Amino acid sequence: MHDVELLLPDRPGALASMGETLGRAGVSIEGGGSFVVDGVGIGHFLFVDGHAAARALVASGFQVTAVREVIVQRLRQGEPGQLGSLCRQMADAGVNIRVQYSDHANQLILVVDDVERGRHASEAWRVPHAHTG
């Protein structure tokens, strides 16, 4: 899975154009979101094949700024403190979380500065937090 970071114009229809572009290319969005900060639209979207998504977007004039592998983790939704606990595990491992969102299956998606170290920390967190029974 990949996170695709792109810039979006701060105007009506920008997100619609992005979605239409991906639809025409047969590329499905698996999760993500977009925000406007200081007049600049920034999108982070999850794809099975982020490179295919990036090619389709660039071919239609969108500015893709990064394609990154992500960490996918399942939190126990009914148990308070899961996000804090996982993020503390990452921080203690020296991993900086750059972006956090959820996918369509309610899984936590993390874009981090060091994906290998982040995966190791995520797995170490998951083992004692796995469902039992």
N, C-alpha and C. Protein backbone atom coordinates (compact mmCIF):
# COMPACT_ATOMS: atom_id res chain seq x y z
N MET A 1 0.84 -1.17 0.00
CA MET A 1 0.00 0.00 0.00
C MET A 1 0.89 1.24 0.00
N HIS A 2 0.39 2.27 -0.69
CA HIS A 2 1.15 3.51 -0.80
C HIS A 2 0.28 4.72 -0.49
N ASP A 3 0.89 5.70 0.14
CA ASP A 3 0.30 7.02 0.30
C ASP A 3 0.82 7.89 -0.83
N VAL A 4 -0.10 8.57 -1.51
CA VAL A 4 0.29 9.53 -2.54
C VAL A 4 -0.04 10.91 -2.00
N GLU A 5 0.99 11.74 -1.93
CA GLU A 5 0.83 13.13 -1.49
C GLU A 5 0.76 14.01 -2.72
N LEU A 6 -0.24 14.89 -2.77
CA LEU A 6 -0.34 15.78 -3.92
C LEU A 6 -0.86 17.13 -3.48
N LEU A 7 -0.60 18.13 -4.31
CA LEU A 7 -1.11 19.47 -4.09
C LEU A 7 -2.40 19.62 -4.89
N LEU A 8 -3.38 20.24 -4.27
CA LEU A 8 -4.67 20.47 -4.91
C LEU A 8 -4.96 21.97 -4.89
N PRO A 9 -5.45 22.51 -6.00
CA PRO A 9 -5.83 23.92 -5.99
C PRO A 9 -6.94 24.17 -4.96
N ASP A 10 -6.92 25.31 -4.32
CA ASP A 10 -7.94 25.69 -3.34
C ASP A 10 -9.10 26.35 -4.09
N ARG A 11 -9.87 25.50 -4.78
CA ARG A 11 -11.01 25.99 -5.57
C ARG A 11 -12.07 24.90 -5.69
N PRO A 12 -13.30 25.29 -5.92
CA PRO A 12 -14.35 24.29 -6.11
C PRO A 12 -14.03 23.36 -7.28
N GLY A 13 -14.25 22.09 -7.09
CA GLY A 13 -14.07 21.11 -8.15
C GLY A 13 -12.71 20.45 -8.21
N ALA A 14 -11.75 20.91 -7.42
CA ALA A 14 -10.40 20.32 -7.48
C ALA A 14 -10.43 18.85 -7.06
N LEU A 15 -11.11 18.57 -5.96
CA LEU A 15 -11.18 17.20 -5.49
C LEU A 15 -12.01 16.34 -6.44
N ALA A 16 -13.05 16.92 -7.01
CA ALA A 16 -13.86 16.19 -8.00
C ALA A 16 -13.01 15.81 -9.20
N SER A 17 -12.19 16.73 -9.68
CA SER A 17 -11.32 16.45 -10.82
C SER A 17 -10.33 15.34 -10.50
N MET A 18 -9.80 15.36 -9.29
CA MET A 18 -8.87 14.31 -8.89
C MET A 18 -9.57 12.95 -8.90
N GLY A 19 -10.75 12.89 -8.28
CA GLY A 19 -11.49 11.64 -8.25
C GLY A 19 -11.89 11.14 -9.63
N GLU A 20 -12.29 12.05 -10.50
CA GLU A 20 -12.66 11.68 -11.87
C GLU A 20 -11.45 11.15 -12.63
N THR A 21 -10.31 11.79 -12.44
CA THR A 21 -9.07 11.34 -13.09
C THR A 21 -8.74 9.91 -12.69
N LEU A 22 -8.81 9.64 -11.40
CA LEU A 22 -8.49 8.29 -10.92
C LEU A 22 -9.53 7.28 -11.40
N GLY A 23 -10.79 7.69 -11.43
CA GLY A 23 -11.84 6.80 -11.92
C GLY A 23 -11.63 6.42 -13.37
N ARG A 24 -11.29 7.40 -14.21
CA ARG A 24 -11.02 7.11 -15.63
C ARG A 24 -9.85 6.16 -15.79
N ALA A 25 -8.89 6.25 -14.87
CA ALA A 25 -7.70 5.40 -14.94
C ALA A 25 -7.94 4.03 -14.30
N GLY A 26 -9.12 3.83 -13.71
CA GLY A 26 -9.42 2.56 -13.06
C GLY A 26 -8.68 2.34 -11.76
N VAL A 27 -8.31 3.44 -11.09
CA VAL A 27 -7.55 3.37 -9.85
C VAL A 27 -8.47 3.72 -8.69
N SER A 28 -8.55 2.82 -7.71
CA SER A 28 -9.44 3.01 -6.57
C SER A 28 -8.69 3.61 -5.38
N ILE A 29 -9.33 4.58 -4.74
CA ILE A 29 -8.80 5.17 -3.52
C ILE A 29 -9.21 4.28 -2.35
N GLU A 30 -8.25 3.92 -1.52
CA GLU A 30 -8.51 3.03 -0.38
C GLU A 30 -8.68 3.78 0.93
N GLY A 31 -8.38 5.06 0.95
CA GLY A 31 -8.50 5.88 2.16
C GLY A 31 -7.79 7.19 1.95
N GLY A 32 -7.81 8.06 2.95
CA GLY A 32 -7.07 9.30 2.87
C GLY A 32 -7.92 10.51 3.17
N GLY A 33 -7.37 11.66 2.83
CA GLY A 33 -8.06 12.92 3.06
C GLY A 33 -7.29 14.07 2.48
N SER A 34 -7.92 15.24 2.51
CA SER A 34 -7.27 16.45 2.00
C SER A 34 -7.60 17.62 2.91
N PHE A 35 -6.71 18.59 2.93
CA PHE A 35 -6.82 19.74 3.81
C PHE A 35 -6.30 20.97 3.07
N VAL A 36 -6.81 22.13 3.44
CA VAL A 36 -6.27 23.38 2.93
C VAL A 36 -5.56 24.07 4.08
N VAL A 37 -4.29 24.39 3.87
CA VAL A 37 -3.49 25.08 4.87
C VAL A 37 -2.87 26.30 4.20
N ASP A 38 -3.17 27.47 4.71
CA ASP A 38 -2.63 28.72 4.15
C ASP A 38 -2.87 28.82 2.64
N GLY A 39 -4.05 28.42 2.19
CA GLY A 39 -4.42 28.54 0.79
C GLY A 39 -3.88 27.46 -0.13
N VAL A 40 -3.23 26.46 0.43
CA VAL A 40 -2.69 25.36 -0.38
C VAL A 40 -3.40 24.06 0.00
N GLY A 41 -3.99 23.40 -0.98
CA GLY A 41 -4.62 22.11 -0.75
C GLY A 41 -3.58 21.01 -0.76
N ILE A 42 -3.61 20.18 0.27
CA ILE A 42 -2.68 19.06 0.38
C ILE A 42 -3.51 17.80 0.55
N GLY A 43 -3.29 16.82 -0.30
CA GLY A 43 -4.00 15.56 -0.21
C GLY A 43 -3.06 14.42 0.10
N HIS A 44 -3.56 13.49 0.90
CA HIS A 44 -2.87 12.24 1.17
C HIS A 44 -3.89 11.15 0.96
N PHE A 45 -3.64 10.29 -0.04
CA PHE A 45 -4.59 9.24 -0.38
C PHE A 45 -3.87 7.90 -0.47
N LEU A 46 -4.60 6.86 -0.09
CA LEU A 46 -4.05 5.51 -0.01
C LEU A 46 -4.45 4.71 -1.25
N PHE A 47 -3.47 4.00 -1.82
CA PHE A 47 -3.69 3.18 -3.01
C PHE A 47 -2.96 1.86 -2.88
N VAL A 48 -3.52 0.82 -3.49
CA VAL A 48 -2.81 -0.44 -3.58
C VAL A 48 -1.55 -0.23 -4.41
N ASP A 49 -1.68 0.50 -5.52
CA ASP A 49 -0.54 0.81 -6.38
C ASP A 49 -0.42 2.32 -6.51
N GLY A 50 0.33 2.91 -5.60
CA GLY A 50 0.49 4.35 -5.59
C GLY A 50 1.18 4.90 -6.82
N HIS A 51 2.05 4.10 -7.43
CA HIS A 51 2.76 4.58 -8.61
C HIS A 51 1.81 4.71 -9.79
N ALA A 52 0.85 3.79 -9.93
CA ALA A 52 -0.16 3.89 -10.99
C ALA A 52 -1.03 5.12 -10.76
N ALA A 53 -1.41 5.36 -9.51
CA ALA A 53 -2.21 6.54 -9.19
C ALA A 53 -1.44 7.81 -9.52
N ALA A 54 -0.17 7.85 -9.13
CA ALA A 54 0.65 9.03 -9.38
C ALA A 54 0.79 9.29 -10.88
N ARG A 55 1.00 8.23 -11.66
CA ARG A 55 1.12 8.42 -13.12
C ARG A 55 -0.15 9.02 -13.70
N ALA A 56 -1.31 8.51 -13.27
CA ALA A 56 -2.59 9.03 -13.78
C ALA A 56 -2.78 10.48 -13.37
N LEU A 57 -2.44 10.80 -12.15
CA LEU A 57 -2.61 12.18 -11.67
C LEU A 57 -1.68 13.14 -12.39
N VAL A 58 -0.43 12.78 -12.51
CA VAL A 58 0.55 13.65 -13.20
C VAL A 58 0.16 13.85 -14.65
N ALA A 59 -0.32 12.79 -15.31
CA ALA A 59 -0.74 12.89 -16.71
C ALA A 59 -1.90 13.86 -16.88
N SER A 60 -2.67 14.08 -15.82
CA SER A 60 -3.80 15.01 -15.88
C SER A 60 -3.46 16.38 -15.30
N GLY A 61 -2.19 16.61 -15.01
CA GLY A 61 -1.76 17.93 -14.58
C GLY A 61 -1.69 18.15 -13.08
N PHE A 62 -1.92 17.12 -12.28
CA PHE A 62 -1.80 17.27 -10.83
C PHE A 62 -0.34 17.20 -10.42
N GLN A 63 -0.01 17.91 -9.35
CA GLN A 63 1.36 17.91 -8.84
C GLN A 63 1.47 16.90 -7.69
N VAL A 64 2.05 15.74 -7.99
CA VAL A 64 2.30 14.71 -6.99
C VAL A 64 3.65 15.02 -6.36
N THR A 65 3.68 15.12 -5.02
CA THR A 65 4.92 15.48 -4.34
C THR A 65 5.63 14.30 -3.70
N ALA A 66 4.92 13.17 -3.50
CA ALA A 66 5.57 11.99 -2.92
C ALA A 66 4.68 10.76 -3.08
N VAL A 67 5.33 9.62 -3.20
CA VAL A 67 4.67 8.31 -3.12
C VAL A 67 5.46 7.53 -2.08
N ARG A 68 4.78 7.12 -1.00
CA ARG A 68 5.48 6.47 0.10
C ARG A 68 4.77 5.19 0.53
N GLU A 69 5.55 4.21 0.95
CA GLU A 69 4.98 3.02 1.58
C GLU A 69 4.40 3.45 2.92
N VAL A 70 3.39 2.72 3.38
CA VAL A 70 2.74 3.06 4.63
C VAL A 70 2.80 1.90 5.62
N ILE A 71 2.50 2.21 6.85
CA ILE A 71 2.32 1.20 7.88
C ILE A 71 0.82 1.11 8.12
N VAL A 72 0.31 -0.11 8.13
CA VAL A 72 -1.12 -0.36 8.36
C VAL A 72 -1.23 -1.09 9.69
N GLN A 73 -2.07 -0.58 10.57
CA GLN A 73 -2.23 -1.20 11.88
C GLN A 73 -3.71 -1.18 12.27
N ARG A 74 -4.16 -2.22 12.91
CA ARG A 74 -5.54 -2.30 13.41
C ARG A 74 -5.55 -1.95 14.89
N LEU A 75 -6.33 -0.93 15.25
CA LEU A 75 -6.50 -0.58 16.65
C LEU A 75 -7.77 -1.26 17.17
N ARG A 76 -7.81 -1.52 18.45
CA ARG A 76 -9.03 -2.04 19.08
C ARG A 76 -9.91 -0.83 19.39
N GLN A 77 -10.89 -0.60 18.51
CA GLN A 77 -11.68 0.62 18.53
C GLN A 77 -12.35 0.90 19.86
N GLY A 78 -12.77 -0.12 20.58
CA GLY A 78 -13.47 0.08 21.84
C GLY A 78 -12.58 0.29 23.04
N GLU A 79 -11.28 0.30 22.83
CA GLU A 79 -10.34 0.41 23.95
C GLU A 79 -9.63 1.77 23.90
N PRO A 80 -9.97 2.68 24.82
CA PRO A 80 -9.34 4.00 24.83
C PRO A 80 -7.82 3.91 24.98
N GLY A 81 -7.13 4.83 24.34
CA GLY A 81 -5.68 4.93 24.49
C GLY A 81 -4.87 4.20 23.46
N GLN A 82 -5.51 3.49 22.52
CA GLN A 82 -4.78 2.72 21.52
C GLN A 82 -3.88 3.60 20.66
N LEU A 83 -4.42 4.71 20.16
CA LEU A 83 -3.62 5.59 19.30
C LEU A 83 -2.42 6.13 20.07
N GLY A 84 -2.64 6.60 21.28
CA GLY A 84 -1.54 7.12 22.09
C GLY A 84 -0.48 6.08 22.36
N SER A 85 -0.91 4.87 22.66
CA SER A 85 0.02 3.78 22.95
C SER A 85 0.88 3.44 21.74
N LEU A 86 0.24 3.31 20.58
CA LEU A 86 1.00 3.00 19.36
C LEU A 86 1.94 4.15 19.00
N CYS A 87 1.45 5.37 19.09
CA CYS A 87 2.30 6.53 18.75
C CYS A 87 3.46 6.67 19.72
N ARG A 88 3.26 6.33 20.98
CA ARG A 88 4.36 6.35 21.96
C ARG A 88 5.41 5.31 21.58
N GLN A 89 4.96 4.12 21.14
CA GLN A 89 5.88 3.07 20.70
C GLN A 89 6.73 3.59 19.54
N MET A 90 6.09 4.29 18.61
CA MET A 90 6.81 4.86 17.46
C MET A 90 7.81 5.92 17.94
N ALA A 91 7.34 6.81 18.78
CA ALA A 91 8.22 7.88 19.27
C ALA A 91 9.42 7.32 20.02
N ASP A 92 9.17 6.34 20.87
CA ASP A 92 10.27 5.73 21.63
C ASP A 92 11.27 5.03 20.73
N ALA A 93 10.83 4.61 19.54
CA ALA A 93 11.72 3.99 18.56
C ALA A 93 12.39 5.04 17.66
N GLY A 94 12.09 6.32 17.91
CA GLY A 94 12.68 7.40 17.11
C GLY A 94 12.02 7.58 15.76
N VAL A 95 10.78 7.10 15.60
CA VAL A 95 10.06 7.19 14.33
C VAL A 95 9.15 8.41 14.37
N ASN A 96 9.28 9.27 13.37
CA ASN A 96 8.42 10.46 13.25
C ASN A 96 7.22 10.13 12.37
N ILE A 97 6.03 10.31 12.90
CA ILE A 97 4.80 10.11 12.13
C ILE A 97 4.51 11.40 11.39
N ARG A 98 4.53 11.31 10.07
CA ARG A 98 4.31 12.50 9.23
C ARG A 98 2.83 12.71 8.91
N VAL A 99 2.11 11.61 8.70
CA VAL A 99 0.68 11.67 8.35
C VAL A 99 -0.01 10.48 8.99
N GLN A 100 -1.25 10.70 9.47
CA GLN A 100 -2.05 9.63 10.06
C GLN A 100 -3.48 9.78 9.56
N TYR A 101 -4.07 8.68 9.09
CA TYR A 101 -5.47 8.66 8.71
C TYR A 101 -5.96 7.23 8.74
N SER A 102 -7.23 7.02 8.39
CA SER A 102 -7.80 5.67 8.38
C SER A 102 -8.17 5.28 6.95
N ASP A 103 -8.16 3.97 6.69
CA ASP A 103 -8.60 3.49 5.39
C ASP A 103 -10.08 3.10 5.46
N HIS A 104 -10.60 2.59 4.36
CA HIS A 104 -12.02 2.24 4.30
C HIS A 104 -12.37 1.05 5.17
N ALA A 105 -11.38 0.30 5.65
CA ALA A 105 -11.61 -0.85 6.53
C ALA A 105 -11.36 -0.48 8.00
N ASN A 106 -11.32 0.82 8.29
CA ASN A 106 -11.09 1.33 9.65
C ASN A 106 -9.74 0.91 10.23
N GLN A 107 -8.76 0.77 9.38
CA GLN A 107 -7.39 0.50 9.82
C GLN A 107 -6.64 1.82 9.88
N LEU A 108 -5.72 1.91 10.81
CA LEU A 108 -4.89 3.09 10.95
C LEU A 108 -3.79 3.06 9.88
N ILE A 109 -3.61 4.17 9.18
CA ILE A 109 -2.57 4.31 8.17
C ILE A 109 -1.57 5.34 8.67
N LEU A 110 -0.30 4.98 8.68
CA LEU A 110 0.75 5.89 9.12
C LEU A 110 1.78 6.07 8.02
N VAL A 111 2.10 7.32 7.74
CA VAL A 111 3.21 7.67 6.85
C VAL A 111 4.31 8.17 7.79
N VAL A 112 5.44 7.48 7.77
CA VAL A 112 6.51 7.77 8.72
C VAL A 112 7.81 8.10 8.00
N ASP A 113 8.75 8.65 8.76
CA ASP A 113 10.04 9.03 8.18
C ASP A 113 10.97 7.85 7.95
N ASP A 114 10.76 6.75 8.64
CA ASP A 114 11.61 5.56 8.49
C ASP A 114 10.69 4.34 8.52
N VAL A 115 10.28 3.87 7.34
CA VAL A 115 9.26 2.83 7.25
C VAL A 115 9.73 1.50 7.85
N GLU A 116 10.98 1.15 7.71
CA GLU A 116 11.46 -0.11 8.28
C GLU A 116 11.45 -0.08 9.81
N ARG A 117 11.98 0.98 10.37
CA ARG A 117 11.97 1.12 11.83
C ARG A 117 10.52 1.24 12.33
N GLY A 118 9.68 1.93 11.56
CA GLY A 118 8.27 2.06 11.91
C GLY A 118 7.54 0.73 11.89
N ARG A 119 7.83 -0.10 10.90
CA ARG A 119 7.21 -1.43 10.84
C ARG A 119 7.62 -2.28 12.04
N HIS A 120 8.88 -2.20 12.38
CA HIS A 120 9.38 -2.97 13.54
C HIS A 120 8.66 -2.51 14.82
N ALA A 121 8.53 -1.19 15.01
CA ALA A 121 7.85 -0.66 16.19
C ALA A 121 6.38 -1.03 16.18
N SER A 122 5.75 -0.99 15.02
CA SER A 122 4.34 -1.34 14.90
C SER A 122 4.10 -2.80 15.26
N GLU A 123 4.97 -3.68 14.75
CA GLU A 123 4.84 -5.11 15.07
C GLU A 123 5.09 -5.37 16.55
N ALA A 124 6.07 -4.68 17.13
CA ALA A 124 6.34 -4.85 18.56
C ALA A 124 5.14 -4.39 19.38
N TRP A 125 4.46 -3.33 18.95
CA TRP A 125 3.26 -2.86 19.64
C TRP A 125 2.11 -3.85 19.47
N ARG A 126 1.96 -4.40 18.28
CA ARG A 126 0.83 -5.26 17.96
C ARG A 126 0.82 -6.53 18.78
N VAL A 127 1.97 -7.14 19.01
CA VAL A 127 2.02 -8.44 19.68
C VAL A 127 1.32 -8.40 21.06
N PRO A 128 1.66 -7.49 21.95
CA PRO A 128 0.94 -7.50 23.24
C PRO A 128 -0.49 -6.94 23.14
N HIS A 129 -0.83 -6.29 22.02
CA HIS A 129 -2.16 -5.70 21.87
C HIS A 129 -3.08 -6.51 20.96
N ALA A 130 -2.62 -7.69 20.52
CA ALA A 130 -3.44 -8.52 19.65
C ALA A 130 -4.65 -9.05 20.41
N HIS A 131 -5.72 -9.26 19.65
CA HIS A 131 -6.94 -9.82 20.25
C HIS A 131 -6.65 -11.22 20.77
N THR A 132 -7.19 -11.54 21.92
CA THR A 132 -7.09 -12.90 22.44
C THR A 132 -8.49 -13.46 22.57
N GLY A 133 -8.61 -14.77 22.45
CA GLY A 133 -9.90 -15.42 22.61
C GLY A 133 -10.54 -15.57 21.32
